[in-house]
Protein backbone atom coordinates (compact mmCIF):
# COMPACT_ATOMS: atom_id res chain seq x y z
CA UNK A 1 20.47 -2.79 24.69
CA UNK A 2 17.13 -1.16 23.76
CA UNK A 3 15.85 -1.60 20.21
CA UNK A 4 12.73 -0.85 18.18
CA UNK A 5 10.80 -3.30 16.03
CA UNK A 6 9.07 -2.77 12.69
CA UNK A 7 6.38 -5.17 11.45
CA UNK A 8 5.15 -5.09 7.85
CA UNK A 9 2.12 -7.25 7.07
CA UNK A 10 2.07 -7.27 3.27
CA UNK A 11 -0.32 -9.02 0.92
CA UNK A 12 2.15 -11.80 0.19
CA UNK A 13 4.26 -11.96 3.34
CA UNK A 14 4.80 -10.78 6.90
CA UNK A 15 8.16 -9.17 7.70
CA UNK A 16 9.69 -8.28 11.05
CA UNK A 17 12.89 -6.34 11.65
CA UNK A 18 14.67 -5.34 14.86
CA UNK A 19 16.50 -2.04 14.57
CA UNK A 20 19.38 -0.63 16.62
CA UNK A 21 18.49 3.05 16.42
CA UNK A 22 21.77 4.17 18.01
CA UNK A 23 23.96 2.39 15.44
CA UNK A 24 21.37 2.75 12.62
CA UNK A 25 21.63 -0.95 11.93
CA UNK A 26 19.06 -3.67 11.31
CA UNK A 27 20.09 -6.39 13.74
CA UNK A 28 17.68 -9.07 12.59
CA UNK A 29 14.93 -9.64 10.06
CA UNK A 30 12.52 -12.43 9.26
CA UNK A 31 9.94 -12.99 6.55
CA UNK A 32 7.13 -15.57 6.28
CA UNK A 33 4.81 -15.95 3.23
CA UNK A 34 1.06 -15.42 3.48
CA UNK A 35 -1.28 -17.28 1.11
CA UNK A 36 -4.27 -15.85 -0.78
CA UNK A 37 -7.65 -17.24 -1.82
CA UNK A 38 -8.49 -16.12 -5.38
CA UNK A 39 -11.65 -16.77 -7.38
CA UNK A 40 -12.71 -15.83 -10.91
CA UNK A 41 -15.36 -13.34 -9.73
CA UNK A 42 -12.62 -11.04 -8.41
CA UNK A 43 -12.62 -12.45 -4.88
CA UNK A 44 -9.27 -12.07 -3.11
CA UNK A 45 -9.32 -13.13 0.54
CA UNK A 46 -7.14 -14.35 3.42
CA UNK A 47 -7.74 -15.89 6.83
CA UNK A 48 -7.00 -13.57 9.76
CA UNK A 49 -5.45 -16.55 11.57
CA UNK A 50 -2.72 -16.59 8.92
CA UNK A 51 -1.56 -13.16 10.10
CA UNK A 52 -1.12 -14.27 13.69
CA UNK A 53 0.63 -17.46 12.56
CA UNK A 54 3.01 -15.60 10.25
CA UNK A 55 3.89 -13.04 12.93
CA UNK A 56 4.49 -15.76 15.49
CA UNK A 57 6.77 -17.59 13.04
CA UNK A 58 8.73 -14.41 12.26
CA UNK A 59 9.49 -13.81 15.93
CA UNK A 60 10.36 -17.50 16.38
CA UNK A 61 12.79 -17.33 13.45
CA UNK A 62 14.47 -14.25 14.93
CA UNK A 63 14.84 -16.03 18.26
CA UNK A 64 16.38 -19.00 16.49
CA UNK A 65 19.03 -16.93 14.69
CA UNK A 66 19.49 -14.23 17.36
CA UNK A 67 18.75 -15.73 20.79
CA UNK A 68 17.69 -13.18 23.38
CA UNK A 69 17.58 -10.24 20.95
CA UNK A 70 13.81 -9.80 21.27
CA UNK A 71 14.17 -9.06 24.99
CA UNK A 72 15.49 -5.58 24.17
CA UNK A 73 12.46 -4.44 22.17
CA UNK A 74 11.18 -1.20 23.72
CA UNK A 75 8.66 -0.15 21.06
CA UNK A 76 6.91 -1.65 18.04
CA UNK A 77 5.41 -0.02 14.92
CA UNK A 78 3.12 -1.95 12.58
CA UNK A 79 2.54 -1.47 8.85
CA UNK A 80 -0.26 -3.32 7.06
CA UNK A 81 -1.83 -3.53 3.62
CA UNK A 82 -4.58 -0.96 3.33
CA UNK A 83 -8.36 -1.25 2.92
CA UNK A 84 -8.71 -4.96 3.74
CA UNK A 85 -11.69 -5.72 6.01
CA UNK A 86 -11.13 -7.73 9.21
CA UNK A 87 -14.60 -8.38 10.76
CA UNK A 88 -14.61 -9.38 14.45
CA UNK A 89 -17.30 -10.44 16.91
CA UNK A 90 -17.78 -9.21 20.48
CA UNK A 91 -14.90 -11.37 21.73
CA UNK A 92 -12.51 -10.20 19.02
CA UNK A 93 -12.75 -13.42 17.00
CA UNK A 94 -12.79 -13.24 13.18
CA UNK A 95 -16.27 -13.72 11.70
CA UNK A 96 -15.26 -14.22 8.10
CA UNK A 97 -12.21 -14.21 5.85
CA UNK A 98 -10.40 -10.90 5.27
CA UNK A 99 -11.54 -9.35 1.99
CA UNK A 100 -8.42 -7.74 0.53
CA UNK A 101 -7.64 -4.41 -1.13
CA UNK A 102 -7.33 -6.25 -4.47
CA UNK A 103 -10.78 -7.87 -4.15
CA UNK A 104 -12.96 -6.53 -6.99
CA UNK A 105 -16.10 -8.56 -6.24
CA UNK A 106 -17.88 -5.56 -4.65
CA UNK A 107 -18.72 -3.49 -7.76
CA UNK A 108 -22.46 -3.77 -7.08
CA UNK A 109 -21.99 -2.53 -3.51
CA UNK A 110 -19.95 0.44 -4.78
CA UNK A 111 -22.73 1.39 -7.18
CA UNK A 112 -25.31 1.08 -4.39
CA UNK A 113 -23.38 3.24 -1.94
CA UNK A 114 -22.61 5.84 -4.61
CA UNK A 115 -26.29 6.09 -5.53
CA UNK A 116 -27.31 6.42 -1.87
CA UNK A 117 -24.83 9.28 -1.46
CA UNK A 118 -26.24 11.14 -4.46
CA UNK A 119 -23.44 10.37 -6.91
CA UNK A 120 -19.66 10.32 -7.02
CA UNK A 121 -19.27 14.09 -6.68
CA UNK A 122 -21.36 14.02 -3.51
CA UNK A 123 -19.20 11.24 -2.07
CA UNK A 124 -15.99 13.13 -2.82
CA UNK A 125 -17.50 16.20 -1.17
CA UNK A 126 -18.41 14.14 1.92
CA UNK A 127 -15.29 12.00 2.41
CA UNK A 128 -12.72 13.10 -0.18
CA UNK A 129 -12.95 9.72 -1.94
CA UNK A 130 -15.14 8.07 -4.56
CA UNK A 131 -16.44 4.59 -3.75
CA UNK A 132 -14.12 1.97 -5.25
CA UNK A 133 -14.07 -1.85 -4.88
CA UNK A 134 -10.64 -1.67 -3.26
CA UNK A 135 -11.86 0.35 -0.28
CA UNK A 136 -13.28 -1.06 2.94
CA UNK A 137 -16.83 0.37 2.92
CA UNK A 138 -18.22 -1.78 0.06
CA UNK A 139 -16.71 -4.87 1.69
CA UNK A 140 -18.72 -4.16 4.86
CA UNK A 141 -21.91 -3.85 2.79
CA UNK A 142 -20.98 -7.06 0.95
CA UNK A 143 -20.85 -8.91 4.29
CA UNK A 144 -24.26 -7.55 5.23
CA UNK A 145 -25.81 -8.63 1.91
CA UNK A 146 -24.06 -11.98 1.40
CA UNK A 147 -23.46 -13.17 4.97
CA UNK A 148 -26.28 -11.53 7.00
CA UNK A 149 -26.01 -14.07 9.83
CA UNK A 150 -22.36 -13.08 10.33
CA UNK A 151 -23.02 -9.37 9.93
CA UNK A 152 -25.57 -9.62 12.76
CA UNK A 153 -22.67 -10.59 15.05
CA UNK A 154 -20.30 -7.85 13.80
CA UNK A 155 -18.95 -5.70 16.64
CA UNK A 156 -15.50 -4.57 15.47
CA UNK A 157 -14.31 -3.38 12.04
CA UNK A 158 -10.52 -3.39 11.78
CA UNK A 159 -7.89 -3.07 9.07
CA UNK A 160 -4.96 -5.53 8.98
CA UNK A 161 -2.52 -3.30 10.85
CA UNK A 162 -5.24 -2.50 13.40
CA UNK A 163 -5.73 -6.24 13.85
CA UNK A 164 -2.02 -6.82 14.54
CA UNK A 165 -2.14 -3.95 17.05
CA UNK A 166 -5.15 -5.66 18.65
CA UNK A 167 -3.28 -8.97 18.87
CA UNK A 168 -0.38 -7.15 20.54
CA UNK A 169 -2.34 -4.92 22.95
CA UNK A 170 -5.92 -6.16 23.19
CA UNK A 171 -7.12 -2.64 22.26
CA UNK A 172 -9.30 -1.68 19.29
CA UNK A 173 -7.69 1.38 17.69
CA UNK A 174 -7.13 3.03 14.32
CA UNK A 175 -5.20 6.06 13.08
CA UNK A 176 -5.91 8.72 10.49
CA UNK A 177 -3.73 7.41 7.65
CA UNK A 178 -5.06 3.88 7.33
CA UNK A 179 -8.58 4.98 8.34
CA UNK A 180 -8.66 7.45 5.45
CA UNK A 181 -8.50 4.53 3.00
CA UNK A 182 -11.72 2.95 4.21
CA UNK A 183 -14.18 5.34 2.46
CA UNK A 184 -15.87 5.46 5.90
CA UNK A 185 -13.82 8.49 6.94
CA UNK A 186 -13.89 12.23 6.23
CA UNK A 187 -10.32 13.17 5.30
CA UNK A 188 -10.89 16.90 5.89
CA UNK A 189 -12.28 16.63 9.43
CA UNK A 190 -10.38 13.40 10.26
CA UNK A 191 -13.48 11.77 11.71
CA UNK A 192 -15.59 8.77 10.79
CA UNK A 193 -18.36 9.75 8.38
CA UNK A 194 -21.73 9.11 10.02
CA UNK A 195 -23.43 9.61 6.66
CA UNK A 196 -21.54 6.83 4.88
CA UNK A 197 -21.59 4.52 7.90
CA UNK A 198 -25.36 4.87 8.30
CA UNK A 199 -25.91 4.23 4.59
CA UNK A 200 -24.54 0.73 5.22
CA UNK A 201 -26.10 0.09 8.63
CA UNK A 202 -26.39 1.97 11.95
CA UNK A 203 -24.19 -0.67 13.61
CA UNK A 204 -21.19 0.31 11.48
CA UNK A 205 -20.30 3.56 13.26
CA UNK A 206 -20.39 1.82 16.65
CA UNK A 207 -18.15 -0.96 15.33
CA UNK A 208 -15.33 1.34 14.24
CA UNK A 209 -12.30 1.71 16.55
CA UNK A 210 -11.10 4.73 18.50
CA UNK A 211 -8.96 7.07 16.38
CA UNK A 212 -5.42 7.88 17.52
CA UNK A 213 -3.50 11.10 16.99
CA UNK A 214 -0.15 10.92 15.11
CA UNK A 215 2.52 9.74 17.52
CA UNK A 216 -0.01 8.40 20.03
CA UNK A 217 0.50 4.84 21.25
CA UNK A 218 -2.09 2.16 20.56
CA UNK A 219 -1.14 0.58 23.88
CA UNK A 220 1.48 -1.75 25.28
CA UNK A 221 2.24 -5.42 24.69
CA UNK A 222 -0.15 -7.47 26.80
CA UNK A 223 0.81 -10.45 28.94
CA UNK A 224 -1.00 -12.77 26.49
CA UNK A 225 0.84 -11.31 23.47
CA UNK A 226 4.17 -11.47 25.30
CA UNK A 227 3.61 -15.19 25.84
CA UNK A 228 2.39 -15.83 22.27
CA UNK A 229 5.14 -13.95 20.44
CA UNK A 230 7.97 -14.12 22.98
CA UNK A 231 8.37 -10.33 23.19
CA UNK A 232 8.58 -8.05 26.25
CA UNK A 233 5.35 -7.35 28.08
CA UNK A 234 4.80 -3.61 28.41
CA UNK A 235 6.69 -2.64 25.23
CA UNK A 236 5.04 0.37 23.57
CA UNK A 237 2.97 -0.31 20.45
CA UNK A 238 2.79 2.77 18.22
CA UNK A 239 -0.31 3.75 16.25
CA UNK A 240 1.13 2.11 13.13
CA UNK A 241 -0.45 2.74 9.75
CA UNK A 242 -1.12 1.53 6.24
CA UNK A 243 1.81 0.22 4.23
CA UNK A 244 1.89 3.36 2.10
CA UNK A 245 1.85 5.63 5.15
CA UNK A 246 4.67 3.67 6.78
CA UNK A 247 6.50 3.56 3.42
CA UNK A 248 6.29 7.36 3.35
CA UNK A 249 8.04 7.53 6.74
CA UNK A 250 10.55 4.87 5.68
CA UNK A 251 11.51 6.82 2.53
CA UNK A 252 11.49 10.33 3.97
CA UNK A 253 8.23 11.51 2.38
CA UNK A 254 7.17 13.45 5.49
CA UNK A 255 7.66 16.91 3.96
CA UNK A 256 6.57 18.62 0.77
CA UNK A 257 8.23 17.89 -2.56
CA UNK A 258 9.12 14.21 -2.41
CA UNK A 259 7.14 11.42 -4.04
CA UNK A 260 7.44 7.75 -3.17
CA UNK A 261 6.73 5.16 -5.85
CA UNK A 262 6.23 1.56 -4.71
CA UNK A 263 6.54 -1.22 -7.28
CA UNK A 264 4.95 -4.30 -5.75
CA UNK A 265 1.89 -6.42 -6.51
CA UNK A 266 0.10 -3.09 -6.44
CA UNK A 267 1.73 0.09 -7.62
CA UNK A 268 1.48 3.28 -5.59
CA UNK A 269 2.64 6.85 -6.05
CA UNK A 270 2.23 9.23 -3.12
CA UNK A 271 3.61 12.37 -1.53
CA UNK A 272 3.25 14.36 1.68
CA UNK A 273 1.14 17.52 1.79
CA UNK A 274 0.47 19.90 4.67
CA UNK A 275 -3.08 20.53 3.41
CA UNK A 276 -5.77 18.15 2.11
CA UNK A 277 -5.39 17.35 -1.61
CA UNK A 278 -8.77 16.40 -3.07
CA UNK A 279 -8.78 15.17 -6.69
CA UNK A 280 -12.21 15.77 -8.26
CA UNK A 281 -11.50 13.00 -10.79
CA UNK A 282 -10.98 10.48 -7.97
CA UNK A 283 -7.78 9.13 -9.54
CA UNK A 284 -5.68 10.37 -6.63
CA UNK A 285 -6.95 9.12 -3.30
CA UNK A 286 -7.16 11.94 -0.74
CA UNK A 287 -5.57 10.01 2.12
CA UNK A 288 -4.19 11.34 5.39
CA UNK A 289 -0.61 10.62 6.35
CA UNK A 290 0.38 8.90 9.59
CA UNK A 291 2.72 11.77 10.40
CA UNK A 292 0.29 14.65 10.78
CA UNK A 293 -0.46 15.80 7.23
CA UNK A 294 -2.06 14.32 4.13
CA UNK A 295 -0.83 11.76 1.62
CA UNK A 296 -2.47 12.06 -1.84
CA UNK A 297 -1.96 8.68 -3.49
CA UNK A 298 -2.45 6.82 -6.74
CA UNK A 299 -2.91 3.05 -6.54
CA UNK A 300 -2.92 0.57 -9.40
CA UNK A 301 -3.78 -3.08 -8.76
CA UNK A 302 -1.47 -4.58 -11.39
CA UNK A 303 2.06 -3.29 -11.02
CA UNK A 304 4.44 -6.25 -11.08
CA UNK A 305 1.59 -8.62 -11.96
CA UNK A 306 2.04 -8.51 -15.76
CA UNK A 307 5.79 -9.03 -15.64
CA UNK A 308 5.41 -11.89 -13.15
CA UNK A 309 2.73 -13.62 -15.24
CA UNK A 310 4.71 -13.28 -18.46
CA UNK A 311 7.97 -14.23 -16.77
CA UNK A 312 6.35 -17.45 -15.56
CA UNK A 313 4.94 -18.09 -19.04
CA UNK A 314 8.41 -17.72 -20.57
CA UNK A 315 10.08 -19.76 -17.83
CA UNK A 316 12.57 -17.00 -16.99
CA UNK A 317 13.94 -15.78 -13.68
CA UNK A 318 13.76 -12.06 -12.85
CA UNK A 319 17.22 -11.15 -14.11
CA UNK A 320 16.77 -13.08 -17.36
CA UNK A 321 13.40 -11.44 -17.96
CA UNK A 322 14.90 -7.98 -17.42
CA UNK A 323 17.77 -8.87 -19.76
CA UNK A 324 15.27 -9.79 -22.47
CA UNK A 325 13.36 -6.54 -21.94
CA UNK A 326 16.59 -4.52 -22.14
CA UNK A 327 17.16 -5.79 -25.70
CA UNK A 328 13.96 -4.08 -26.89
CA UNK A 329 13.69 -0.38 -27.80
CA UNK A 330 11.74 2.19 -25.79
CA UNK A 331 8.08 1.65 -26.63
CA UNK A 332 8.66 -2.06 -27.40
CA UNK A 333 8.31 -1.51 -31.14
CA UNK A 334 4.70 -0.36 -30.71
CA UNK A 335 3.62 -3.38 -28.67
CA UNK A 336 1.49 -2.39 -25.66
CA UNK A 337 0.42 -4.39 -22.59
CA UNK A 338 -2.70 -3.39 -20.69
CA UNK A 339 -1.89 -5.24 -17.45
CA UNK A 340 -5.34 -5.65 -15.89
CA UNK A 341 -5.01 -9.24 -14.68
CA UNK A 342 -6.87 -8.36 -11.45
CA UNK A 343 -9.30 -5.81 -12.83
CA UNK A 344 -8.09 -2.28 -12.03
CA UNK A 345 -8.62 0.48 -9.52
CA UNK A 346 -7.02 3.37 -11.43
CA UNK A 347 -8.43 3.71 -13.99
CA UNK A 348 -11.63 2.41 -12.39
CA UNK A 349 -12.07 -0.87 -14.31
CA UNK A 350 -12.95 -3.56 -11.74
CA UNK A 351 -13.96 -5.88 -14.60
CA UNK A 352 -10.87 -5.07 -16.67
CA UNK A 353 -8.88 -7.74 -18.46
CA UNK A 354 -5.24 -7.87 -19.52
CA UNK A 355 -4.40 -7.63 -23.20
CA UNK A 356 -1.50 -7.49 -25.63
CA UNK A 357 -2.01 -4.84 -28.29
CA UNK A 358 -0.37 -3.50 -31.43
CA UNK A 359 1.01 -6.87 -32.49
CA UNK A 360 2.65 -7.11 -35.91
CA UNK A 361 4.81 -9.77 -37.54
CA UNK A 362 7.79 -7.48 -36.95
CA UNK A 363 7.36 -6.69 -33.24
CA UNK A 364 5.94 -9.96 -31.90
CA UNK A 365 8.89 -11.32 -29.96
CA UNK A 366 9.84 -12.11 -26.39
CA UNK A 367 11.98 -9.00 -25.93
CA UNK A 368 9.20 -6.58 -26.85
CA UNK A 369 6.60 -8.42 -24.79
CA UNK A 370 8.90 -8.32 -21.75
CA UNK A 371 9.66 -4.61 -22.28
CA UNK A 372 5.99 -3.71 -22.77
CA UNK A 373 5.03 -5.44 -19.51
CA UNK A 374 7.61 -3.42 -17.55
CA UNK A 375 6.63 -0.17 -19.26
CA UNK A 376 2.92 -0.74 -18.60
CA UNK A 377 3.47 -0.63 -14.83
CA UNK A 378 5.03 2.84 -15.01
CA UNK A 379 2.55 4.13 -17.60
CA UNK A 380 -0.17 3.31 -15.06
CA UNK A 381 1.71 5.43 -12.51
CA UNK A 382 1.96 8.35 -14.93
CA UNK A 383 -1.81 8.79 -14.65
CA UNK A 384 -1.15 9.71 -11.02
CA UNK A 385 1.80 11.94 -11.90
CA UNK A 386 -0.44 13.97 -14.20
CA UNK A 387 -2.93 14.28 -11.33
CA UNK A 388 -0.24 15.60 -8.99
CA UNK A 389 0.83 18.18 -11.58
CA UNK A 390 -2.76 19.29 -12.25
CA UNK A 391 -3.36 19.78 -8.51
CA UNK A 392 -0.25 21.94 -8.14
CA UNK A 393 2.02 19.44 -6.36
CA UNK A 394 5.63 20.40 -7.13
CA UNK A 395 7.69 17.22 -7.10
CA UNK A 396 11.49 17.31 -6.77
CA UNK A 397 12.32 13.61 -6.98
CA UNK A 398 10.91 10.12 -6.62
CA UNK A 399 11.98 7.63 -3.97
CA UNK A 400 11.55 4.13 -5.45
CA UNK A 401 10.71 1.14 -3.22
CA UNK A 402 9.17 -2.33 -3.49
CA UNK A 403 10.38 -5.48 -5.21
CA UNK A 404 10.47 -3.78 -8.63
CA UNK A 405 12.83 -1.10 -7.31
CA UNK A 406 15.66 -3.63 -7.45
CA UNK A 407 15.50 -3.66 -11.27
CA UNK A 408 17.92 -1.19 -12.91
CA UNK A 409 15.74 -1.22 -16.02
CA UNK A 410 12.60 -0.35 -14.05
CA UNK A 411 14.56 2.43 -12.30
CA UNK A 412 15.49 3.85 -15.70
CA UNK A 413 11.96 3.55 -17.10
CA UNK A 414 10.51 5.33 -14.03
CA UNK A 415 12.93 8.27 -14.31
CA UNK A 416 12.22 8.78 -18.01
CA UNK A 417 8.44 8.26 -17.96
CA UNK A 418 8.02 10.57 -14.96
CA UNK A 419 10.77 13.00 -16.06
CA UNK A 420 12.07 13.19 -12.50
CA UNK A 421 15.23 11.98 -10.75
CA UNK A 422 14.73 8.58 -9.14
CA UNK A 423 16.53 7.52 -5.98
CA UNK A 424 16.42 4.10 -4.36
CA UNK A 425 16.95 4.17 -0.57
CA UNK A 426 19.58 1.83 0.79
CA UNK A 427 17.90 -1.41 1.86
CA UNK A 428 14.47 -2.64 0.78
CA UNK A 429 12.38 -2.59 3.96
CA UNK A 430 10.76 0.85 3.70
CA UNK A 431 7.41 -0.02 5.33
CA UNK A 432 8.95 -2.04 8.18
CA UNK A 433 11.63 0.62 8.70
CA UNK A 434 8.89 3.25 8.71
CA UNK A 435 7.17 1.27 11.46
CA UNK A 436 10.39 1.13 13.46
CA UNK A 437 10.97 4.88 13.07
CA UNK A 438 7.39 5.61 14.11
CA UNK A 439 7.87 3.34 17.13
CA UNK A 440 10.99 5.30 18.11
CA UNK A 441 9.11 8.60 17.66
CA UNK A 442 6.25 7.39 19.84
CA UNK A 443 8.57 6.03 22.52
CA UNK A 444 10.57 9.27 22.69
CA UNK A 445 7.58 11.60 22.21
CA UNK A 446 8.18 14.97 23.81
CA UNK A 447 11.94 14.97 23.26
CA UNK A 448 12.71 17.63 20.60
CA UNK A 449 15.73 15.64 19.45
CA UNK A 450 13.31 12.91 18.37
CA UNK A 451 10.91 14.83 16.13
CA UNK A 452 9.66 12.73 13.26
CA UNK A 453 11.36 14.87 10.61
CA UNK A 454 14.71 14.69 12.42
CA UNK A 455 14.36 10.93 12.85
CA UNK A 456 13.61 10.46 9.15
CA UNK A 457 16.56 12.67 8.22
CA UNK A 458 18.81 10.54 10.43
CA UNK A 459 17.57 7.03 9.70
CA UNK A 460 16.46 6.99 6.04
CA UNK A 461 19.72 6.26 4.24
CA UNK A 462 19.99 7.20 0.56
CA UNK A 463 23.75 6.83 0.19
CA UNK A 464 24.59 3.54 -1.48
CA UNK A 465 21.23 3.35 -3.22
CA UNK A 466 20.81 3.86 -6.97
CA UNK A 467 20.14 7.25 -8.59
CA UNK A 468 18.85 7.68 -12.13
CA UNK A 469 18.30 11.04 -13.83
CA UNK A 470 16.04 11.65 -16.83
CA UNK A 471 17.60 12.44 -20.20
CA UNK A 472 15.73 14.47 -22.84
CA UNK A 473 15.95 11.90 -25.64
CA UNK A 474 14.55 9.06 -23.55
CA UNK A 475 11.87 11.32 -22.04
CA UNK A 476 10.71 12.26 -25.54
CA UNK A 477 10.61 8.63 -26.69
CA UNK A 478 8.59 7.63 -23.65
CA UNK A 479 6.16 10.49 -24.20
CA UNK A 480 5.38 8.98 -27.60
CA UNK A 481 5.10 5.46 -26.13
CA UNK A 482 2.75 6.73 -23.41
CA UNK A 483 0.55 8.36 -26.05
CA UNK A 484 0.25 4.96 -27.77
CA UNK A 485 -0.56 3.26 -24.45
CA UNK A 486 -3.21 5.88 -23.68
CA UNK A 487 -4.84 5.38 -27.07
CA UNK A 488 -5.32 1.64 -26.45
CA UNK A 489 -6.52 2.33 -22.90
CA UNK A 490 -9.20 4.75 -24.12
CA UNK A 491 -10.31 2.40 -26.89
CA UNK A 492 -10.61 -0.73 -24.76
CA UNK A 493 -11.91 0.71 -21.46
CA UNK A 494 -15.58 0.73 -22.62
CA UNK A 495 -15.42 -3.07 -22.92
CA UNK A 496 -14.91 -3.35 -19.15
CA UNK A 497 -17.38 -0.85 -17.72
């Protein structure tokens, strides 16, 4: 029996699933946690060796529970967290820890690169993106400035999913979707930007990998990888992509009109477009998709962070925390959380701090605090929704994924705040499933029955998942609550710039 495999290297864990595409069934899945190094200056880093170890353990766990199943893998698709910088030497060995998308220690480098480009408007004109601490480019400059002896040995610049592809195939490749989140890439021409690369160092352009077309294979599983991971040598490895790009495939956002909202450590809101969507404000990132179009995207760095921090403080499990929040009214009695525990990317507040606002003797209780933390995550997303509307994107519905998508209360809040129907796909492995679908597309490339749109239509299952529709009364109440949130955001933002 031939199967396809989806790998999702997230910030907190590595997941692997093996998918029977004929029966539309996940035959096996495994998940292994990945640690993080965090420091008070905004540093968020991981060791590249942890990725290889986690992937090896996932495949070992699948073998343990499903002996022999891996032998049928015909193609593999890899999803990985975006923007994170994996620096390698000539031999493909990591030079330094992986600076993550949520690392905000590169504000000075962002300012330097923006000034060299002639300002933010000039950068957006050149690449489609402003320079933000989350992106890859300032991390490369940081290595040059802070670890010059290591930068001198830099020969390969990869993103996490590129690195997994390299471990599997031995080839250095990238694809348009994930590459567009580096700020080293021109999203209109779909080429590396010589201007931005050279502003860091002439070696940068030569260190970037070969770009793949949508549906093109990165290579095949090497003999060394087959031995390390216990998977078939010669299996096709698809181009892969960033977690948002693979999440778009795994939720059906490969045609106009559908938005995907991911509620994880970070929060993202994105939708497919057949033409580039460039936001002059920079709030919506002008990314490419991994399916042939573009994927305008909002990213916040603190989605489930506030609720997780407060849940731990109160000593509650997830269901108990949601139950407390459900007792509170819409708007939490005027209590507002600004959830910037990790600084923030949108709005651009890398030095931001979390705060609890609007406290009175009447509203200061556990229920309102819990509710306000959940609402704050979706209010942050509404900034992106307003950007989509202003740029003429006509949304029909939102597909909700990520850990937060399991919460009925969060589903309800999202539908009312965004004033759009919310649907939750069956299952919770959108990025890994997207990788598996992309792998199947790449394997069967050329067969009209296996176009990407037809594969998504067939394999993204919505039946059995939740659906929540907006109601006018709740939408109106949330409009008022969002106005209050926005007032505190405007007032406090100058403290963090």
